[in-house]
Amino acid sequence: MVKVEFLGPINKQPMQLEITNLNELSEILKNDAELSTWLESCAVAVNDVLVCSKDMILKNNDKISLLPPVCGG
């Protein structure tokens, strides 16, 4: 089981999912109308390390963070 957290302005509670890679997560989140609008613009971190590949193998207790773009000064 992995934990998925949504940071910044994404107003969604963390999720616990049985998935093995980020492709599976993407498919699940595409079906959520509220989250699907964020998917293209978010960075993704696994255990606090930014990742680029959706094929990365996930392990039990991994933490996935969706990081939306933010602006600041």
C-alpha atoms as a PDB file:
ATOM      1  CA  MET A   1       0.000   0.000   0.000  1.00  0.00           C
ATOM      2  CA  VAL A   2       1.274   3.488  -0.869  1.00  0.00           C
ATOM      3  CA  LYS A   3       0.192   6.862   0.451  1.00  0.00           C
ATOM      4  CA  VAL A   4      -0.700   9.613  -2.019  1.00  0.00           C
ATOM      5  CA  GLU A   5      -0.731  13.195  -0.742  1.00  0.00           C
ATOM      6  CA  PHE A   6      -1.917  16.301  -2.529  1.00  0.00           C
ATOM      7  CA  LEU A   7      -0.032  19.504  -1.741  1.00  0.00           C
ATOM      8  CA  GLY A   8      -0.693  23.211  -2.175  1.00  0.00           C
ATOM      9  CA  PRO A   9      -4.074  24.291  -3.528  1.00  0.00           C
ATOM     10  CA  ILE A  10      -5.243  20.752  -4.366  1.00  0.00           C
ATOM     11  CA  ASN A  11      -7.974  20.362  -1.783  1.00  0.00           C
ATOM     12  CA  LYS A  12      -8.002  16.580  -1.457  1.00  0.00           C
ATOM     13  CA  GLN A  13      -7.437  14.246   1.479  1.00  0.00           C
ATOM     14  CA  PRO A  14      -4.526  11.757   1.262  1.00  0.00           C
ATOM     15  CA  MET A  15      -5.286   8.361  -0.259  1.00  0.00           C
ATOM     16  CA  GLN A  16      -3.991   4.863   0.493  1.00  0.00           C
ATOM     17  CA  LEU A  17      -3.777   2.734  -2.665  1.00  0.00           C
ATOM     18  CA  GLU A  18      -2.617  -0.717  -3.740  1.00  0.00           C
ATOM     19  CA  ILE A  19      -0.662   0.208  -6.866  1.00  0.00           C
ATOM     20  CA  THR A  20       2.703  -0.864  -8.288  1.00  0.00           C
ATOM     21  CA  ASN A  21       3.688   2.137 -10.459  1.00  0.00           C
ATOM     22  CA  LEU A  22       2.770   5.736 -11.274  1.00  0.00           C
ATOM     23  CA  ASN A  23       0.942   4.721 -14.469  1.00  0.00           C
ATOM     24  CA  GLU A  24      -1.665   3.021 -12.294  1.00  0.00           C
ATOM     25  CA  LEU A  25      -1.972   6.131 -10.138  1.00  0.00           C
ATOM     26  CA  SER A  26      -2.434   8.292 -13.224  1.00  0.00           C
ATOM     27  CA  GLU A  27      -5.287   6.086 -14.447  1.00  0.00           C
ATOM     28  CA  ILE A  28      -7.030   6.280 -11.058  1.00  0.00           C
ATOM     29  CA  LEU A  29      -6.671  10.058 -10.769  1.00  0.00           C
ATOM     30  CA  LYS A  30      -7.880  10.685 -14.349  1.00  0.00           C
ATOM     31  CA  ASN A  31     -11.288   9.388 -13.257  1.00  0.00           C
ATOM     32  CA  ASP A  32     -11.573  12.054 -10.540  1.00  0.00           C
ATOM     33  CA  ALA A  33     -12.904  15.232 -12.205  1.00  0.00           C
ATOM     34  CA  GLU A  34     -11.480  17.426  -9.431  1.00  0.00           C
ATOM     35  CA  LEU A  35      -7.970  15.987  -9.785  1.00  0.00           C
ATOM     36  CA  SER A  36      -7.795  15.413 -13.528  1.00  0.00           C
ATOM     37  CA  THR A  37      -7.370  19.145 -14.172  1.00  0.00           C
ATOM     38  CA  TRP A  38      -4.196  19.157 -12.032  1.00  0.00           C
ATOM     39  CA  LEU A  39      -2.500  16.093 -13.524  1.00  0.00           C
ATOM     40  CA  GLU A  40      -0.801  17.748 -16.498  1.00  0.00           C
ATOM     41  CA  SER A  41       0.737  20.547 -14.456  1.00  0.00           C
ATOM     42  CA  CYS A  42       1.840  18.721 -11.289  1.00  0.00           C
ATOM     43  CA  ALA A  43       5.308  17.517 -10.462  1.00  0.00           C
ATOM     44  CA  VAL A  44       5.466  14.134  -8.746  1.00  0.00           C
ATOM     45  CA  ALA A  45       7.731  13.071  -5.902  1.00  0.00           C
ATOM     46  CA  VAL A  46       8.204   9.593  -4.482  1.00  0.00           C
ATOM     47  CA  ASN A  47       9.567   9.613  -0.945  1.00  0.00           C
ATOM     48  CA  ASP A  48      10.362  13.330  -1.341  1.00  0.00           C
ATOM     49  CA  VAL A  49      12.448  12.852  -4.522  1.00  0.00           C
ATOM     50  CA  LEU A  50      11.123  14.291  -7.797  1.00  0.00           C
ATOM     51  CA  VAL A  51      10.578  11.648 -10.479  1.00  0.00           C
ATOM     52  CA  CYS A  52      10.019  11.828 -14.225  1.00  0.00           C
ATOM     53  CA  SER A  53       9.110   8.257 -15.163  1.00  0.00           C
ATOM     54  CA  LYS A  54       5.667   6.811 -14.595  1.00  0.00           C
ATOM     55  CA  ASP A  55       7.199   3.325 -14.864  1.00  0.00           C
ATOM     56  CA  MET A  56       8.993   3.611 -11.516  1.00  0.00           C
ATOM     57  CA  ILE A  57       8.254   0.573  -9.353  1.00  0.00           C
ATOM     58  CA  LEU A  58       6.531   1.478  -6.098  1.00  0.00           C
ATOM     59  CA  LYS A  59       7.118  -0.374  -2.857  1.00  0.00           C
ATOM     60  CA  ASN A  60       4.960  -0.865   0.203  1.00  0.00           C
ATOM     61  CA  ASN A  61       4.833   2.313   2.348  1.00  0.00           C
ATOM     62  CA  ASP A  62       6.131   4.622  -0.398  1.00  0.00           C
ATOM     63  CA  LYS A  63       4.828   8.199  -0.209  1.00  0.00           C
ATOM     64  CA  ILE A  64       3.765   9.888  -3.438  1.00  0.00           C
ATOM     65  CA  SER A  65       3.297  13.642  -3.455  1.00  0.00           C
ATOM     66  CA  LEU A  66       1.544  15.645  -6.166  1.00  0.00           C
ATOM     67  CA  LEU A  67       3.058  19.112  -6.278  1.00  0.00           C
ATOM     68  CA  PRO A  68       1.091  21.699  -8.252  1.00  0.00           C
ATOM     69  CA  PRO A  69       2.836  24.741  -9.686  1.00  0.00           C
ATOM     70  CA  VAL A  70       2.744  27.744  -7.406  1.00  0.00           C
ATOM     71  CA  CYS A  71       3.689  31.334  -7.813  1.00  0.00           C
ATOM     72  CA  GLY A  72       5.335  33.449  -5.201  1.00  0.00           C
ATOM     73  CA  GLY A  73       7.608  36.339  -4.715  1.00  0.00           C
END
